[in-house]
C-alpha atoms as a PDB file:
ATOM      1  CA  MET A   1       0.000   0.000   0.000  1.00  0.00           C
ATOM      2  CA  VAL A   2       1.400   3.383  -1.009  1.00  0.00           C
ATOM      3  CA  ARG A   3       0.755   6.309   1.333  1.00  0.00           C
ATOM      4  CA  ALA A   4       0.459   9.275  -0.990  1.00  0.00           C
ATOM      5  CA  PRO A   5       1.193  12.893   0.016  1.00  0.00           C
ATOM      6  CA  PHE A   6      -1.699  15.252   0.744  1.00  0.00           C
ATOM      7  CA  LEU A   7      -1.751  18.103  -1.767  1.00  0.00           C
ATOM      8  CA  ASP A   8      -3.818  21.264  -1.416  1.00  0.00           C
ATOM      9  CA  ASN A   9      -5.959  22.149  -4.440  1.00  0.00           C
ATOM     10  CA  ARG A  10      -4.168  25.464  -4.898  1.00  0.00           C
ATOM     11  CA  VAL A  11      -0.845  26.155  -6.640  1.00  0.00           C
ATOM     12  CA  LEU A  12       1.914  23.564  -6.129  1.00  0.00           C
ATOM     13  CA  MET A  13       4.935  23.803  -8.445  1.00  0.00           C
ATOM     14  CA  LEU A  14       7.405  20.893  -8.654  1.00  0.00           C
ATOM     15  CA  ASP A  15      10.582  20.959 -10.710  1.00  0.00           C
ATOM     16  CA  ILE A  16      12.416  17.881 -12.058  1.00  0.00           C
ATOM     17  CA  ASP A  17      14.002  15.228  -9.795  1.00  0.00           C
ATOM     18  CA  VAL A  18      11.846  15.947  -6.714  1.00  0.00           C
ATOM     19  CA  ILE A  19      11.370  12.924  -4.457  1.00  0.00           C
ATOM     20  CA  ILE A  20       8.508  13.099  -1.938  1.00  0.00           C
ATOM     21  CA  GLY A  21       8.205  10.657   0.969  1.00  0.00           C
ATOM     22  CA  GLU A  22       5.083   9.078   2.448  1.00  0.00           C
ATOM     23  CA  MET A  23       2.322  10.961   4.283  1.00  0.00           C
ATOM     24  CA  CYS A  24       3.582  14.481   3.494  1.00  0.00           C
ATOM     25  CA  LEU A  25       1.323  17.544   3.602  1.00  0.00           C
ATOM     26  CA  PHE A  26       1.638  20.488   1.189  1.00  0.00           C
ATOM     27  CA  ALA A  27      -0.510  23.594   1.637  1.00  0.00           C
ATOM     28  CA  ALA A  28      -1.168  26.417  -0.854  1.00  0.00           C
ATOM     29  CA  GLN A  29       1.484  28.173  -2.935  1.00  0.00           C
ATOM     30  CA  VAL A  30       4.444  25.826  -2.463  1.00  0.00           C
ATOM     31  CA  GLY A  31       7.303  25.769  -4.960  1.00  0.00           C
ATOM     32  CA  ILE A  32      10.048  23.138  -4.963  1.00  0.00           C
ATOM     33  CA  ALA A  33      13.173  23.485  -7.114  1.00  0.00           C
ATOM     34  CA  SER A  34      15.043  20.607  -8.754  1.00  0.00           C
ATOM     35  CA  VAL A  35      16.952  17.800  -7.042  1.00  0.00           C
ATOM     36  CA  VAL A  36      15.144  17.951  -3.679  1.00  0.00           C
ATOM     37  CA  THR A  37      14.474  14.920  -1.479  1.00  0.00           C
ATOM     38  CA  ILE A  38      11.657  15.262   1.054  1.00  0.00           C
ATOM     39  CA  GLY A  39      11.412  12.663   3.830  1.00  0.00           C
ATOM     40  CA  ASN A  40       8.317  11.046   5.321  1.00  0.00           C
ATOM     41  CA  ASN A  41       5.663  12.950   7.337  1.00  0.00           C
ATOM     42  CA  VAL A  42       6.930  16.397   6.277  1.00  0.00           C
ATOM     43  CA  LYS A  43       4.531  19.370   6.501  1.00  0.00           C
ATOM     44  CA  VAL A  44       5.069  22.314   4.139  1.00  0.00           C
ATOM     45  CA  TRP A  45       2.661  25.190   4.821  1.00  0.00           C
ATOM     46  CA  GLY A  46       1.549  27.973   2.454  1.00  0.00           C
ATOM     47  CA  GLN A  47       3.767  30.397   0.546  1.00  0.00           C
ATOM     48  CA  VAL A  48       6.981  28.389   0.899  1.00  0.00           C
ATOM     49  CA  GLY A  49       9.780  28.124  -1.640  1.00  0.00           C
ATOM     50  CA  ILE A  50      12.357  25.331  -1.330  1.00  0.00           C
ATOM     51  CA  SER A  51      15.663  25.800  -3.154  1.00  0.00           C
ATOM     52  CA  GLY A  52      17.380  23.014  -5.069  1.00  0.00           C
ATOM     53  CA  ASP A  53      19.952  20.397  -4.063  1.00  0.00           C
ATOM     54  CA  ILE A  54      18.793  19.809  -0.472  1.00  0.00           C
ATOM     55  CA  ILE A  55      17.404  16.983   1.675  1.00  0.00           C
ATOM     56  CA  ILE A  56      14.554  17.597   4.117  1.00  0.00           C
ATOM     57  CA  GLU A  57      14.562  15.035   6.926  1.00  0.00           C
ATOM     58  CA  ASP A  58      11.579  13.003   8.183  1.00  0.00           C
ATOM     59  CA  GLY A  59       9.032  14.856  10.327  1.00  0.00           C
ATOM     60  CA  ALA A  60      10.173  18.391   9.435  1.00  0.00           C
ATOM     61  CA  THR A  61       7.704  21.301   9.424  1.00  0.00           C
ATOM     62  CA  ILE A  62       8.387  24.209   7.088  1.00  0.00           C
END
């Protein structure tokens, strides 16, 4: 069973090579640049931009 991320129905922009873990939550107006790895159970709230070439660990809140 795959546990898909929860995506808000507003703007979410993903670039190439973005890996998203299980049970993540993304709220409105989130942008993620290329080559980003997001761990499991990560919460990204509205109006957040994530730059490229980083790893976000499990359970982080941004």
